Amino acid sequence: MTETLHVTLWHPIKHWTAVYVFMNYGRWSCRQWAERLLVLWLDRLGGPRELVAVLDDTTVKKSGRKIFGLGCYPDRTDKNPGASRRRVWGHCWVVLALLWERRRGQWFCFPLRALLFVPEKFRPALWRLATKIELAERPVRGLEAANRRVTLVVDNLYAKEALANLSVCGWPIRLISRLRSNAQLSELPPPRRPGQRGRTAKRGPKLSARQLSRRRSHCRRLKASIHGKTVTIQAFVGVVMPSPTLGDQPILVIIVPQRSGEKRNLLFSTDLQREPVRLLERYAARFKLEDAFDQLKTHGGFADCRPRSFQAQRRHVTLCLLTSSLLRLLSLTLRNAQSIEAEPWWHPAGPPSVTRLRRAVAKSLRISPGLWSDCKPVEIPPSRSPPRLR
């Protein structure tokens, strides 16, 4: 809150409690803001026929006895020895974002919504317990405003039957994820013989990833564009039955050997008609959300949230996500990028980045003069109203 007053230069004009009132008691909804951003995103980018959404959770370190929703989580950014056994205090947010492909292999991420996960051990008495899968269903159902088919790309933690059987606007969600390297798969059930007694088998014989990858008749050479590079992969492609955690529907599996070791990467899709190359490319685009997390925590204020109440925390995180998405949308739809550069001598080629747009917007609104070099601090007289952020 102090940083907001300092950046916007409201402290000589408005009372310092105005920001607290806006975050805690303001009459605005995070869900409605996300829906408006979705409509704006579809309008500006031409409305793709199929929405590609990515879902993951991230941890933010926090400390304080009265901060709501704190829990003990492993620090995934810690690469020191023994990091898997250490825990840190903080918040765990389940984030839904949209992916947009400008050209083949060039993806952009637009964070949309975030929900707070509170473990059962640390939840307050009046807080309704919800798992990460239950929290993930809420923002995914909010995509019904787009009235389009949805392809959901998740990690193996969210590869569950509840998300695989979810439907949006009457269309089943097409789930893309990965399995563990030692996951047990099964062949398709054999056809029922005439006069056979008993129930119909749901699965055939069990098989491992190593046994499937040895079937040369199902091996294919795939040429995909991953992270801006064109790679050629020799992989197994076939339709098998998953474990019961994914339900009783067959899945399309791609088994790719790792560069080192005997482990294998198992990628799957619930859409049996999907091209294997597109499955690889869309799962590789999932890591754009990790880049968005890094940008939000470093420059977007995502990790700087210090309010104690849950209402203020959720609204602060929502504003951080919407700001990043709006700046990214502006960078992709802006025609004359040189006219809004914060530095007069800086004229790079290509669309402006989110960081460059943030500096340009701050300069145009005459806030935070320290972001650029050729401007002096702006002094606003007490009788003059502050600039509105639109």
Protein backbone atom coordinates (compact mmCIF):
# COMPACT_ATOMS: atom_id res chain seq x y z
CA MET A 1 0.00 0.00 0.00
CA THR A 2 2.87 2.36 0.78
CA GLU A 3 4.42 1.63 -2.60
CA THR A 4 1.10 2.43 -4.30
CA LEU A 5 0.91 5.82 -2.57
CA HIS A 6 4.54 6.53 -3.43
CA VAL A 7 4.26 5.57 -7.11
CA THR A 8 0.95 7.33 -7.80
CA LEU A 9 1.89 10.46 -5.78
CA TRP A 10 -1.46 10.36 -3.96
CA HIS A 11 -0.04 10.86 -0.47
CA PRO A 12 -0.13 14.70 -0.56
CA ILE A 13 -3.73 14.68 -1.87
CA LYS A 14 -5.64 11.66 -0.55
CA HIS A 15 -5.66 10.01 2.83
CA TRP A 16 -3.45 6.97 3.15
CA THR A 17 -6.43 4.75 4.02
CA ALA A 18 -7.99 5.25 0.55
CA VAL A 19 -5.97 2.38 -0.89
CA TYR A 20 -6.99 0.06 1.97
CA VAL A 21 -10.65 0.90 1.42
CA PHE A 22 -10.34 0.22 -2.32
CA MET A 23 -8.70 -3.19 -1.77
CA ASN A 24 -10.87 -4.40 1.13
CA TYR A 25 -14.30 -2.79 0.72
CA GLY A 26 -14.43 -1.66 -2.92
CA ARG A 27 -17.46 -2.85 -4.91
CA TRP A 28 -15.69 -4.75 -7.68
CA SER A 29 -15.36 -8.44 -8.46
CA CYS A 30 -12.20 -10.30 -9.47
CA ARG A 31 -14.24 -12.81 -11.47
CA GLN A 32 -15.97 -10.10 -13.52
CA TRP A 33 -12.67 -8.42 -14.25
CA ALA A 34 -11.31 -11.73 -15.56
CA GLU A 35 -14.38 -12.18 -17.76
CA ARG A 36 -13.96 -8.68 -19.21
CA LEU A 37 -10.31 -9.39 -19.92
CA LEU A 38 -11.30 -12.61 -21.71
CA VAL A 39 -13.76 -10.73 -23.93
CA LEU A 40 -11.16 -8.05 -24.69
CA TRP A 41 -8.55 -10.71 -25.45
CA LEU A 42 -10.85 -12.44 -27.93
CA ASP A 43 -11.76 -9.14 -29.59
CA ARG A 44 -8.20 -7.87 -30.04
CA LEU A 45 -6.58 -11.12 -31.16
CA GLY A 46 -9.27 -12.12 -33.63
CA GLY A 47 -10.91 -14.82 -31.53
CA PRO A 48 -9.12 -18.15 -32.11
CA ARG A 49 -11.41 -21.11 -32.70
CA GLU A 50 -9.90 -23.10 -29.86
CA LEU A 51 -8.77 -21.72 -26.52
CA VAL A 52 -5.49 -23.12 -25.22
CA ALA A 53 -5.38 -22.69 -21.44
CA VAL A 54 -2.58 -23.63 -19.09
CA LEU A 55 -2.97 -24.33 -15.37
CA ASP A 56 -0.32 -24.52 -12.66
CA ASP A 57 0.37 -23.41 -9.10
CA THR A 58 3.16 -21.23 -7.72
CA THR A 59 4.45 -20.47 -4.22
CA VAL A 60 5.21 -17.02 -2.85
CA LYS A 61 7.26 -16.63 0.32
CA LYS A 62 5.50 -14.69 3.08
CA SER A 63 5.89 -14.24 6.83
CA GLY A 64 3.68 -12.76 9.53
CA ARG A 65 1.44 -14.12 12.25
CA LYS A 66 -1.75 -12.37 11.09
CA ILE A 67 -1.44 -12.85 7.33
CA PHE A 68 -4.27 -15.05 6.10
CA GLY A 69 -3.72 -18.37 4.34
CA LEU A 70 -0.07 -19.05 5.14
CA GLY A 71 1.15 -22.61 4.74
CA CYS A 72 4.32 -24.67 4.65
CA TYR A 73 5.44 -25.60 1.13
CA PRO A 74 8.62 -26.86 -0.58
CA ASP A 75 10.68 -24.17 -2.30
CA ARG A 76 10.96 -25.18 -5.95
CA THR A 77 13.40 -22.37 -6.72
CA ASP A 78 15.95 -23.66 -4.20
CA LYS A 79 18.57 -25.72 -6.03
CA ASN A 80 20.92 -26.29 -3.08
CA PRO A 81 21.50 -29.80 -1.68
CA GLY A 82 18.69 -30.96 0.59
CA ALA A 83 16.17 -28.50 -0.81
CA SER A 84 13.51 -31.21 -1.21
CA ARG A 85 13.41 -31.68 2.59
CA ARG A 86 13.20 -27.98 3.47
CA ARG A 87 9.95 -26.03 3.67
CA VAL A 88 9.15 -22.32 3.54
CA TRP A 89 6.18 -20.27 4.72
CA GLY A 90 4.06 -18.58 2.12
CA HIS A 91 1.03 -18.66 -0.16
CA CYS A 92 0.20 -21.16 -2.87
CA TRP A 93 -1.81 -19.74 -5.79
CA VAL A 94 -3.48 -21.86 -8.48
CA VAL A 95 -3.22 -19.76 -11.66
CA LEU A 96 -5.06 -20.12 -14.97
CA ALA A 97 -3.60 -18.46 -18.07
CA LEU A 98 -4.35 -18.35 -21.79
CA LEU A 99 -1.84 -19.22 -24.50
CA TRP A 100 -1.86 -17.60 -27.93
CA GLU A 101 0.26 -18.70 -30.89
CA ARG A 102 1.27 -15.79 -33.09
CA ARG A 103 3.07 -18.00 -35.57
CA ARG A 104 4.21 -21.60 -35.54
CA GLY A 105 6.12 -22.17 -32.32
CA GLN A 106 5.83 -18.56 -31.01
CA TRP A 107 3.57 -18.57 -27.95
CA PHE A 108 2.51 -15.79 -25.58
CA CYS A 109 1.03 -16.19 -22.11
CA PHE A 110 -1.83 -14.13 -20.62
CA PRO A 111 -2.50 -14.80 -16.88
CA LEU A 112 -6.21 -14.66 -16.17
CA ARG A 113 -7.25 -15.81 -12.67
CA ALA A 114 -5.66 -16.98 -9.42
CA LEU A 115 -7.17 -18.83 -6.46
CA LEU A 116 -5.56 -19.32 -3.06
CA PHE A 117 -4.95 -22.86 -1.83
CA VAL A 118 -4.92 -23.36 1.95
CA PRO A 119 -3.86 -26.79 3.29
CA GLU A 120 -6.09 -28.53 5.79
CA LYS A 121 -3.45 -28.32 8.50
CA PHE A 122 -3.29 -24.51 8.31
CA ARG A 123 -6.84 -23.58 7.26
CA PRO A 124 -8.95 -21.36 9.57
CA ALA A 125 -12.05 -22.71 11.27
CA LEU A 126 -14.57 -21.04 8.93
CA TRP A 127 -12.60 -21.66 5.72
CA ARG A 128 -14.06 -24.27 3.35
CA LEU A 129 -11.49 -26.90 2.50
CA ALA A 130 -10.84 -27.29 -1.23
CA THR A 131 -8.20 -29.34 -3.01
CA LYS A 132 -6.12 -27.98 -5.89
CA ILE A 133 -8.22 -29.96 -8.35
CA GLU A 134 -11.43 -28.39 -7.01
CA LEU A 135 -9.86 -24.94 -7.19
CA ALA A 136 -8.74 -25.61 -10.76
CA GLU A 137 -12.29 -26.41 -11.88
CA ARG A 138 -13.61 -22.94 -10.98
CA PRO A 139 -11.54 -20.78 -13.38
CA VAL A 140 -11.84 -23.39 -16.12
CA ARG A 141 -15.64 -23.22 -15.92
CA GLY A 142 -15.32 -19.44 -16.20
CA LEU A 143 -14.12 -19.89 -19.80
CA GLU A 144 -17.72 -20.54 -20.86
CA ALA A 145 -18.01 -16.84 -21.72
CA ALA A 146 -15.79 -17.49 -24.75
CA ASN A 147 -18.18 -20.15 -26.17
CA ARG A 148 -15.29 -22.11 -27.69
CA ARG A 149 -13.66 -25.46 -27.30
CA VAL A 150 -10.98 -25.52 -24.61
CA THR A 151 -7.68 -27.40 -24.60
CA LEU A 152 -6.24 -27.51 -21.09
CA VAL A 153 -2.50 -28.08 -20.68
CA VAL A 154 -1.46 -29.11 -17.16
CA ASP A 155 1.29 -30.88 -15.27
CA ASN A 156 0.93 -34.45 -14.00
CA LEU A 157 -0.33 -33.17 -10.64
CA TYR A 158 -3.57 -32.02 -12.32
CA ALA A 159 -3.93 -35.02 -14.62
CA LYS A 160 -6.99 -36.37 -12.81
CA GLU A 161 -10.38 -37.72 -13.81
CA ALA A 162 -12.20 -34.64 -12.48
CA LEU A 163 -10.49 -32.34 -14.99
CA ALA A 164 -10.47 -34.91 -17.80
CA ASN A 165 -14.29 -35.26 -17.61
CA LEU A 166 -14.96 -31.52 -17.27
CA SER A 167 -17.04 -29.85 -19.98
CA VAL A 168 -17.31 -26.20 -21.04
CA CYS A 169 -20.28 -24.99 -23.10
CA GLY A 170 -21.31 -28.60 -23.70
CA TRP A 171 -17.92 -29.60 -25.19
CA PRO A 172 -15.61 -31.91 -23.25
CA ILE A 173 -12.26 -30.44 -22.33
CA ARG A 174 -9.29 -31.74 -24.27
CA LEU A 175 -6.68 -32.44 -21.64
CA ILE A 176 -2.94 -32.48 -22.44
CA SER A 177 -0.53 -33.54 -19.73
CA ARG A 178 2.19 -36.04 -18.90
CA LEU A 179 2.45 -39.22 -16.87
CA ARG A 180 5.13 -40.56 -14.61
CA SER A 181 7.92 -42.48 -16.28
CA ASN A 182 6.93 -45.64 -14.38
CA ALA A 183 3.20 -45.30 -15.03
CA GLN A 184 1.35 -48.53 -15.74
CA LEU A 185 -0.64 -48.47 -18.97
CA SER A 186 -2.93 -51.06 -20.47
CA GLU A 187 -3.91 -52.17 -23.92
CA LEU A 188 -7.39 -51.54 -25.27
CA PRO A 189 -9.97 -54.07 -24.04
CA PRO A 190 -10.50 -57.01 -26.39
CA PRO A 191 -13.85 -57.23 -28.21
CA ARG A 192 -16.52 -59.22 -26.45
CA ARG A 193 -16.99 -62.72 -27.82
CA PRO A 194 -20.48 -64.07 -28.63
CA GLY A 195 -21.97 -65.79 -25.59
CA GLN A 196 -19.24 -64.57 -23.26
CA ARG A 197 -20.26 -64.45 -19.62
CA GLY A 198 -19.42 -61.85 -17.03
CA ARG A 199 -18.80 -58.13 -17.28
CA THR A 200 -17.07 -56.51 -20.21
CA ALA A 201 -13.39 -55.89 -19.55
CA LYS A 202 -12.42 -52.22 -19.30
CA ARG A 203 -8.71 -52.76 -19.85
CA GLY A 204 -6.43 -55.22 -21.55
CA PRO A 205 -3.07 -56.54 -20.37
CA LYS A 206 -0.85 -54.13 -18.46
CA LEU A 207 2.20 -52.70 -20.17
CA SER A 208 5.04 -50.41 -19.14
CA ALA A 209 6.47 -47.50 -21.09
CA ARG A 210 9.59 -49.51 -21.89
CA GLN A 211 7.54 -52.33 -23.42
CA LEU A 212 5.51 -49.92 -25.53
CA SER A 213 8.56 -48.03 -26.81
CA ARG A 214 10.01 -51.30 -28.16
CA ARG A 215 7.12 -51.72 -30.59
CA ARG A 216 8.79 -50.48 -33.75
CA SER A 217 5.55 -50.66 -35.74
CA HIS A 218 4.17 -47.75 -33.68
CA CYS A 219 7.33 -45.61 -33.68
CA ARG A 220 7.18 -42.43 -35.74
CA ARG A 221 9.57 -39.63 -36.57
CA LEU A 222 8.07 -36.31 -35.43
CA LYS A 223 9.33 -32.89 -36.53
CA ALA A 224 8.11 -30.24 -34.08
CA SER A 225 8.85 -26.60 -33.31
CA ILE A 226 9.71 -26.43 -29.59
CA HIS A 227 10.96 -23.27 -27.87
CA GLY A 228 11.70 -21.60 -31.19
CA LYS A 229 13.75 -24.53 -32.55
CA THR A 230 12.81 -27.27 -34.97
CA VAL A 231 13.65 -30.68 -33.54
CA THR A 232 13.21 -34.21 -34.86
CA ILE A 233 12.14 -36.84 -32.34
CA GLN A 234 11.76 -40.60 -32.66
CA ALA A 235 8.76 -41.45 -30.48
CA PHE A 236 6.11 -44.08 -29.87
CA VAL A 237 2.58 -42.99 -30.79
CA GLY A 238 -0.42 -45.10 -29.87
CA VAL A 239 -3.79 -45.33 -28.14
CA VAL A 240 -3.82 -47.07 -24.77
CA MET A 241 -5.85 -47.21 -21.58
CA PRO A 242 -4.64 -45.08 -18.64
CA SER A 243 -4.67 -45.79 -14.92
CA PRO A 244 -8.04 -45.47 -13.09
CA THR A 245 -7.08 -41.98 -11.87
CA LEU A 246 -7.80 -40.70 -15.40
CA GLY A 247 -11.02 -42.65 -15.88
CA ASP A 248 -11.98 -45.38 -18.31
CA GLN A 249 -11.54 -43.51 -21.57
CA PRO A 250 -8.61 -44.29 -23.93
CA ILE A 251 -5.88 -41.69 -24.39
CA LEU A 252 -3.36 -40.88 -27.08
CA VAL A 253 0.17 -41.44 -25.71
CA ILE A 254 3.52 -40.24 -26.99
CA ILE A 255 6.61 -41.82 -25.41
CA VAL A 256 9.80 -39.84 -25.93
CA PRO A 257 13.14 -41.09 -24.51
CA GLN A 258 15.13 -38.61 -22.48
CA ARG A 259 18.54 -37.46 -23.61
CA SER A 260 20.31 -39.15 -20.72
CA GLY A 261 19.35 -42.21 -18.72
CA GLU A 262 16.70 -44.85 -19.27
CA LYS A 263 13.71 -42.77 -18.22
CA ARG A 264 11.08 -41.75 -20.74
CA ASN A 265 8.72 -38.80 -21.08
CA LEU A 266 5.08 -39.85 -21.39
CA LEU A 267 2.79 -37.21 -22.87
CA PHE A 268 -0.88 -37.85 -23.48
CA SER A 269 -4.05 -36.22 -24.76
CA THR A 270 -7.67 -37.17 -24.24
CA ASP A 271 -8.35 -36.13 -27.86
CA LEU A 272 -7.57 -39.22 -29.94
CA GLN A 273 -7.68 -37.27 -33.23
CA ARG A 274 -5.03 -34.74 -32.25
CA GLU A 275 -1.84 -34.61 -34.29
CA PRO A 276 1.14 -35.88 -32.26
CA VAL A 277 3.28 -32.94 -33.37
CA ARG A 278 0.75 -30.43 -32.07
CA LEU A 279 0.55 -32.34 -28.80
CA LEU A 280 4.30 -31.94 -28.31
CA GLU A 281 4.25 -28.26 -29.23
CA ARG A 282 1.38 -27.37 -26.93
CA TYR A 283 2.83 -29.17 -23.96
CA ALA A 284 6.16 -27.41 -24.52
CA ALA A 285 4.30 -24.07 -24.57
CA ARG A 286 3.15 -24.79 -21.01
CA PHE A 287 6.48 -23.47 -19.71
CA LYS A 288 5.49 -19.97 -20.87
CA LEU A 289 3.50 -19.81 -17.63
CA GLU A 290 6.70 -20.40 -15.66
CA ASP A 291 8.26 -17.41 -17.44
CA ALA A 292 5.18 -15.38 -16.54
CA PHE A 293 5.58 -16.37 -12.87
CA ASP A 294 9.17 -15.19 -12.90
CA GLN A 295 8.22 -11.89 -14.52
CA LEU A 296 5.31 -11.33 -12.13
CA LYS A 297 7.37 -12.02 -9.03
CA THR A 298 10.36 -9.96 -10.18
CA HIS A 299 8.73 -6.88 -11.73
CA GLY A 300 4.95 -7.35 -11.52
CA GLY A 301 4.44 -7.03 -7.76
CA PHE A 302 3.04 -10.56 -7.39
CA ALA A 303 5.38 -11.35 -4.48
CA ASP A 304 5.05 -7.90 -2.85
CA CYS A 305 1.54 -8.41 -1.48
CA ARG A 306 1.56 -7.62 2.26
CA PRO A 307 -2.13 -7.15 3.26
CA ARG A 308 -3.45 -9.46 5.94
CA SER A 309 -7.03 -10.08 4.83
CA PHE A 310 -7.93 -12.60 2.15
CA GLN A 311 -10.04 -10.08 0.20
CA ALA A 312 -7.14 -7.67 -0.22
CA GLN A 313 -4.71 -10.47 -1.10
CA ARG A 314 -6.95 -11.88 -3.82
CA ARG A 315 -7.58 -8.47 -5.33
CA HIS A 316 -3.92 -7.53 -5.26
CA VAL A 317 -2.98 -10.74 -7.07
CA THR A 318 -5.81 -10.25 -9.59
CA LEU A 319 -4.62 -6.73 -10.38
CA CYS A 320 -1.08 -8.02 -10.93
CA LEU A 321 -2.29 -10.70 -13.36
CA LEU A 322 -4.58 -8.35 -15.29
CA THR A 323 -1.88 -5.68 -15.55
CA SER A 324 0.61 -8.14 -17.01
CA SER A 325 -1.96 -9.50 -19.49
CA LEU A 326 -3.06 -6.02 -20.60
CA LEU A 327 0.53 -4.92 -21.16
CA ARG A 328 1.22 -8.09 -23.15
CA LEU A 329 -1.93 -7.54 -25.19
CA LEU A 330 -0.90 -3.95 -25.88
CA SER A 331 2.57 -5.03 -26.99
CA LEU A 332 1.10 -7.45 -29.55
CA THR A 333 -1.52 -5.06 -30.96
CA LEU A 334 0.51 -1.83 -30.91
CA ARG A 335 1.35 -0.53 -34.35
CA ASN A 336 3.77 2.33 -33.63
CA ALA A 337 5.95 1.17 -30.75
CA GLN A 338 8.56 3.93 -31.06
CA SER A 339 6.07 6.67 -30.22
CA ILE A 340 5.63 5.49 -26.63
CA GLU A 341 9.20 4.58 -25.68
CA ALA A 342 10.22 5.81 -22.24
CA GLU A 343 13.76 6.59 -23.40
CA PRO A 344 14.11 8.98 -26.38
CA TRP A 345 17.30 7.29 -27.59
CA TRP A 346 15.94 3.71 -27.41
CA HIS A 347 14.47 2.45 -30.70
CA PRO A 348 14.69 -1.36 -30.81
CA ALA A 349 13.12 -3.42 -33.53
CA GLY A 350 10.10 -5.62 -33.00
CA PRO A 351 7.15 -5.36 -30.62
CA PRO A 352 7.87 -3.78 -27.21
CA SER A 353 8.23 -6.01 -24.18
CA VAL A 354 6.10 -5.81 -21.05
CA THR A 355 8.91 -4.08 -19.14
CA ARG A 356 9.32 -1.40 -21.83
CA LEU A 357 5.56 -0.80 -21.89
CA ARG A 358 5.46 -0.48 -18.11
CA ARG A 359 8.10 2.26 -18.26
CA ALA A 360 6.27 4.02 -21.09
CA VAL A 361 2.91 3.95 -19.29
CA ALA A 362 4.50 5.28 -16.11
CA LYS A 363 6.03 8.14 -18.09
CA SER A 364 2.78 9.02 -19.86
CA LEU A 365 0.89 9.08 -16.54
CA ARG A 366 3.68 11.06 -14.87
CA ILE A 367 4.17 8.56 -12.06
CA SER A 368 7.34 6.99 -10.64
CA PRO A 369 9.86 9.35 -12.30
CA GLY A 370 12.76 7.08 -11.37
CA LEU A 371 11.84 4.59 -14.10
CA TRP A 372 13.35 6.72 -16.90
CA SER A 373 16.41 8.95 -17.19
CA ASP A 374 15.46 12.22 -18.85
CA CYS A 375 12.59 13.31 -16.61
CA LYS A 376 12.49 15.23 -13.38
CA PRO A 377 10.18 14.44 -10.45
CA VAL A 378 6.72 15.80 -10.99
CA GLU A 379 5.23 17.92 -8.21
CA ILE A 380 1.43 17.98 -8.15
CA PRO A 381 -0.12 20.97 -6.35
CA PRO A 382 -2.64 20.16 -3.61
CA SER A 383 -5.53 21.68 -5.57
CA ARG A 384 -4.95 19.53 -8.62
CA SER A 385 -6.51 16.07 -8.82
CA PRO A 386 -4.19 13.12 -9.51
CA PRO A 387 -4.14 11.48 -12.95
CA ARG A 388 -6.65 8.69 -13.35
CA LEU A 389 -5.47 5.21 -14.24
CA ARG A 390 -7.69 3.92 -17.00
